[in-house]
C-alpha atoms as a PDB file:
ATOM      1  CA  MET A   1     155.700  81.802   8.484  1.00  0.00           C
ATOM      2  CA  PRO A   2     158.126  79.664  10.453  1.00  0.00           C
ATOM      3  CA  LYS A   3     156.756  77.358  13.126  1.00  0.00           C
ATOM      4  CA  ILE A   4     157.347  78.868  16.541  1.00  0.00           C
ATOM      5  CA  PRO A   5     157.114  77.310  19.993  1.00  0.00           C
ATOM      6  CA  VAL A   6     153.687  76.099  21.039  1.00  0.00           C
ATOM      7  CA  ASP A   7     151.343  78.704  22.431  1.00  0.00           C
ATOM      8  CA  PRO A   8     150.624  77.758  26.063  1.00  0.00           C
ATOM      9  CA  THR A   9     147.091  79.194  25.761  1.00  0.00           C
ATOM     10  CA  PHE A  10     146.172  76.785  22.922  1.00  0.00           C
ATOM     11  CA  PRO A  11     143.418  75.638  22.818  1.00  0.00           C
ATOM     12  CA  CYS A  12     141.463  78.599  24.114  1.00  0.00           C
ATOM     13  CA  ASN A  13     138.176  77.993  22.285  1.00  0.00           C
ATOM     14  CA  LYS A  14     136.134  75.222  20.672  1.00  0.00           C
ATOM     15  CA  LEU A  15     137.547  75.909  17.192  1.00  0.00           C
ATOM     16  CA  GLU A  16     141.092  75.381  18.464  1.00  0.00           C
ATOM     17  CA  GLU A  17     140.066  72.237  20.332  1.00  0.00           C
ATOM     18  CA  LEU A  18     138.615  70.817  17.127  1.00  0.00           C
ATOM     19  CA  LEU A  19     141.622  71.906  15.041  1.00  0.00           C
ATOM     20  CA  GLY A  20     143.932  69.953  17.334  1.00  0.00           C
ATOM     21  CA  ALA A  21     141.570  66.978  17.437  1.00  0.00           C
ATOM     22  CA  ALA A  22     141.181  66.928  13.625  1.00  0.00           C
ATOM     23  CA  PHE A  23     144.945  67.109  13.230  1.00  0.00           C
ATOM     24  CA  GLU A  24     145.266  64.002  15.403  1.00  0.00           C
ATOM     25  CA  ASP A  25     142.205  62.236  13.945  1.00  0.00           C
ATOM     26  CA  PRO A  26     141.259  63.209  10.346  1.00  0.00           C
ATOM     27  CA  ALA A  27     137.797  61.684  10.876  1.00  0.00           C
ATOM     28  CA  LEU A  28     137.010  64.835  12.906  1.00  0.00           C
ATOM     29  CA  GLN A  29     137.709  67.259  10.029  1.00  0.00           C
ATOM     30  CA  ASP A  30     134.032  67.658   9.126  1.00  0.00           C
ATOM     31  CA  GLU A  31     133.259  68.666  12.707  1.00  0.00           C
ATOM     32  CA  PHE A  32     136.108  71.201  12.594  1.00  0.00           C
ATOM     33  CA  PHE A  33     134.887  72.639   9.279  1.00  0.00           C
ATOM     34  CA  ALA A  34     131.316  72.945  10.608  1.00  0.00           C
ATOM     35  CA  GLU A  35     132.605  74.871  13.625  1.00  0.00           C
ATOM     36  CA  LEU A  36     134.808  77.022  11.370  1.00  0.00           C
ATOM     37  CA  MET A  37     131.726  78.280   9.517  1.00  0.00           C
ATOM     38  CA  THR A  38     130.245  79.903  12.632  1.00  0.00           C
ATOM     39  CA  ALA A  39     133.366  80.630  14.686  1.00  0.00           C
ATOM     40  CA  GLU A  40     134.938  84.058  14.896  1.00  0.00           C
ATOM     41  CA  VAL A  41     138.294  84.138  13.103  1.00  0.00           C
ATOM     42  CA  TYR A  42     140.961  86.825  12.925  1.00  0.00           C
ATOM     43  CA  VAL A  43     142.802  88.197   9.887  1.00  0.00           C
ATOM     44  CA  LEU A  44     145.499  90.841   9.655  1.00  0.00           C
ATOM     45  CA  THR A  45     144.544  94.057   7.886  1.00  0.00           C
ATOM     46  CA  ASP A  46     146.205  96.995   6.196  1.00  0.00           C
ATOM     47  CA  GLY A  47     146.061  99.192   9.259  1.00  0.00           C
ATOM     48  CA  ILE A  48     142.452 100.314   9.611  1.00  0.00           C
ATOM     49  CA  GLN A  49     141.201  99.363  13.043  1.00  0.00           C
ATOM     50  CA  SER A  50     138.609 100.455  15.533  1.00  0.00           C
ATOM     51  CA  PRO A  51     139.647 101.693  19.001  1.00  0.00           C
ATOM     52  CA  HIS A  52     138.859  98.254  20.437  1.00  0.00           C
ATOM     53  CA  GLY A  53     141.195  96.456  18.024  1.00  0.00           C
ATOM     54  CA  LYS A  54     138.431  94.893  15.966  1.00  0.00           C
ATOM     55  CA  THR A  55     136.928  96.008  12.702  1.00  0.00           C
ATOM     56  CA  PRO A  56     133.601  94.335  11.998  1.00  0.00           C
ATOM     57  CA  ALA A  57     133.602  92.683   8.601  1.00  0.00           C
ATOM     58  CA  ASN A  58     130.038  93.801   7.939  1.00  0.00           C
ATOM     59  CA  ASP A  59     130.673  97.551   8.276  1.00  0.00           C
ATOM     60  CA  ASP A  60     130.064  98.808   4.737  1.00  0.00           C
ATOM     61  CA  ASP A  61     131.567 102.222   5.537  1.00  0.00           C
ATOM     62  CA  ILE A  62     135.052 100.795   6.078  1.00  0.00           C
ATOM     63  CA  ASP A  63     137.361  99.994   3.185  1.00  0.00           C
ATOM     64  CA  VAL A  64     139.920  97.509   4.478  1.00  0.00           C
ATOM     65  CA  SER A  65     142.329  95.099   2.867  1.00  0.00           C
ATOM     66  CA  ILE A  66     143.132  91.695   4.286  1.00  0.00           C
ATOM     67  CA  MET A  67     146.866  91.080   4.417  1.00  0.00           C
ATOM     68  CA  SER A  68     148.322  88.104   2.609  1.00  0.00           C
ATOM     69  CA  SER A  69     151.618  86.278   2.754  1.00  0.00           C
ATOM     70  CA  VAL A  70     153.604  83.950   0.506  1.00  0.00           C
ATOM     71  CA  MET A  71     154.688  80.363   1.126  1.00  0.00           C
ATOM     72  CA  GLU A  72     158.244  79.252   0.488  1.00  0.00           C
ATOM     73  CA  ASP A  73     157.156  77.869  -2.898  1.00  0.00           C
ATOM     74  CA  GLY A  74     155.700  81.260  -3.906  1.00  0.00           C
ATOM     75  CA  THR A  75     152.035  80.369  -3.321  1.00  0.00           C
ATOM     76  CA  PRO A  76     150.108  83.346  -1.929  1.00  0.00           C
ATOM     77  CA  PHE A  77     147.848  82.732   1.059  1.00  0.00           C
ATOM     78  CA  ILE A  78     145.865  84.569   3.684  1.00  0.00           C
ATOM     79  CA  PRO A  79     146.883  83.814   7.260  1.00  0.00           C
ATOM     80  CA  VAL A  80     143.818  83.161   9.414  1.00  0.00           C
ATOM     81  CA  PHE A  81     143.874  82.877  13.185  1.00  0.00           C
ATOM     82  CA  THR A  82     141.548  80.941  15.461  1.00  0.00           C
ATOM     83  CA  SER A  83     141.909  83.394  18.347  1.00  0.00           C
ATOM     84  CA  LEU A  84     143.448  86.718  19.225  1.00  0.00           C
ATOM     85  CA  ALA A  85     145.934  84.845  21.412  1.00  0.00           C
ATOM     86  CA  GLU A  86     147.028  82.752  18.421  1.00  0.00           C
ATOM     87  CA  LEU A  87     147.392  85.850  16.221  1.00  0.00           C
ATOM     88  CA  GLN A  88     149.499  87.598  18.867  1.00  0.00           C
ATOM     89  CA  HIS A  89     151.571  84.478  19.515  1.00  0.00           C
ATOM     90  CA  SER A  90     152.407  84.145  15.827  1.00  0.00           C
ATOM     91  CA  MET A  91     153.819  87.656  15.519  1.00  0.00           C
ATOM     92  CA  ASP A  92     157.584  87.636  15.900  1.00  0.00           C
ATOM     93  CA  ASP A  93     157.990  91.325  16.668  1.00  0.00           C
ATOM     94  CA  GLU A  94     156.676  93.922  19.085  1.00  0.00           C
ATOM     95  CA  THR A  95     154.845  95.904  16.400  1.00  0.00           C
ATOM     96  CA  ASP A  96     151.144  96.478  16.928  1.00  0.00           C
ATOM     97  CA  HIS A  97     149.268  94.599  14.237  1.00  0.00           C
ATOM     98  CA  THR A  98     145.812  95.552  13.079  1.00  0.00           C
ATOM     99  CA  TYR A  99     143.216  92.918  12.512  1.00  0.00           C
ATOM    100  CA  MET A 100     139.543  92.317  11.983  1.00  0.00           C
ATOM    101  CA  THR A 101     137.187  89.544  12.927  1.00  0.00           C
ATOM    102  CA  MET A 102     134.465  87.769  11.007  1.00  0.00           C
ATOM    103  CA  SER A 103     132.846  84.378  10.884  1.00  0.00           C
ATOM    104  CA  GLY A 104     134.721  81.640   9.086  1.00  0.00           C
ATOM    105  CA  GLN A 105     131.950  81.506   6.504  1.00  0.00           C
ATOM    106  CA  GLU A 106     132.208  85.254   5.829  1.00  0.00           C
ATOM    107  CA  LEU A 107     135.947  84.870   5.405  1.00  0.00           C
ATOM    108  CA  LEU A 108     135.710  81.928   2.999  1.00  0.00           C
ATOM    109  CA  GLU A 109     133.129  83.784   0.912  1.00  0.00           C
ATOM    110  CA  LEU A 110     135.274  86.931   0.904  1.00  0.00           C
ATOM    111  CA  VAL A 111     138.525  85.240  -0.141  1.00  0.00           C
ATOM    112  CA  ASP A 112     137.042  82.806  -2.652  1.00  0.00           C
ATOM    113  CA  GLY A 113     139.806  81.661  -4.969  1.00  0.00           C
ATOM    114  CA  THR A 114     142.642  82.279  -2.514  1.00  0.00           C
ATOM    115  CA  ASP A 115     144.496  79.774  -0.352  1.00  0.00           C
ATOM    116  CA  ILE A 116     144.263  80.254   3.407  1.00  0.00           C
ATOM    117  CA  VAL A 117     146.405  78.907   6.214  1.00  0.00           C
ATOM    118  CA  ILE A 118     144.736  78.589   9.577  1.00  0.00           C
ATOM    119  CA  ASP A 119     147.158  79.347  12.441  1.00  0.00           C
ATOM    120  CA  PRO A 120     150.191  79.320  10.111  1.00  0.00           C
ATOM    121  CA  ALA A 121     152.817  79.451  12.864  1.00  0.00           C
ATOM    122  CA  HIS A 122     151.237  76.734  14.958  1.00  0.00           C
ATOM    123  CA  GLN A 123     152.115  73.041  14.933  1.00  0.00           C
ATOM    124  CA  TYR A 124     148.506  72.400  13.869  1.00  0.00           C
ATOM    125  CA  GLY A 125     148.610  74.980  11.068  1.00  0.00           C
ATOM    126  CA  LEU A 126     146.200  73.966   8.310  1.00  0.00           C
ATOM    127  CA  HIS A 127     146.645  74.925   4.645  1.00  0.00           C
ATOM    128  CA  LEU A 128     143.441  74.959   2.602  1.00  0.00           C
ATOM    129  CA  ASN A 129     143.676  75.635  -1.113  1.00  0.00           C
ATOM    130  CA  ALA A 130     140.955  77.459  -3.037  1.00  0.00           C
ATOM    131  CA  ALA A 131     139.232  74.228  -4.134  1.00  0.00           C
ATOM    132  CA  GLU A 132     139.112  72.998  -0.528  1.00  0.00           C
ATOM    133  CA  THR A 133     137.614  76.248   0.755  1.00  0.00           C
ATOM    134  CA  ARG A 134     134.936  76.132  -1.978  1.00  0.00           C
ATOM    135  CA  SER A 135     134.155  72.547  -1.008  1.00  0.00           C
ATOM    136  CA  ILE A 136     133.765  73.558   2.660  1.00  0.00           C
ATOM    137  CA  LEU A 137     131.396  76.370   1.646  1.00  0.00           C
ATOM    138  CA  GLU A 138     129.355  74.035  -0.544  1.00  0.00           C
ATOM    139  CA  ALA A 139     129.094  71.479   2.267  1.00  0.00           C
ATOM    140  CA  ALA A 140     127.873  74.202   4.636  1.00  0.00           C
ATOM    141  CA  GLU A 141     125.070  75.094   2.210  1.00  0.00           C
ATOM    142  CA  MET A 142     123.671  71.563   2.248  1.00  0.00           C
END
């Protein structure tokens, strides 16, 4: 996804505050990752959505696929958004996009083995490869 102009609502939650802070000061990355584990994150889906725009990740009766994208070098990744505002800001068209929410930990467990990019269109977009996401999960278990 190309970088687009800065979202004027950023940061709109603690996770976004810590993402920006960790981008400026890498010593704060552990604090960001700890917050990521419990924070609500947003992912695009294949079109199944509840009337309120959210599909709970823990609803076993819903079969939903998380949408992925591809980097310029061909690496597949899952775009992850720190807020609904950031998801909406990153979309470059007027199409309604379906999404679901879950905790960061649920997401990392669900997509184990896949790269993710947090806020891919934002100046603070963060690419985490599969080994990095496993490391974050392992650290959270300690």
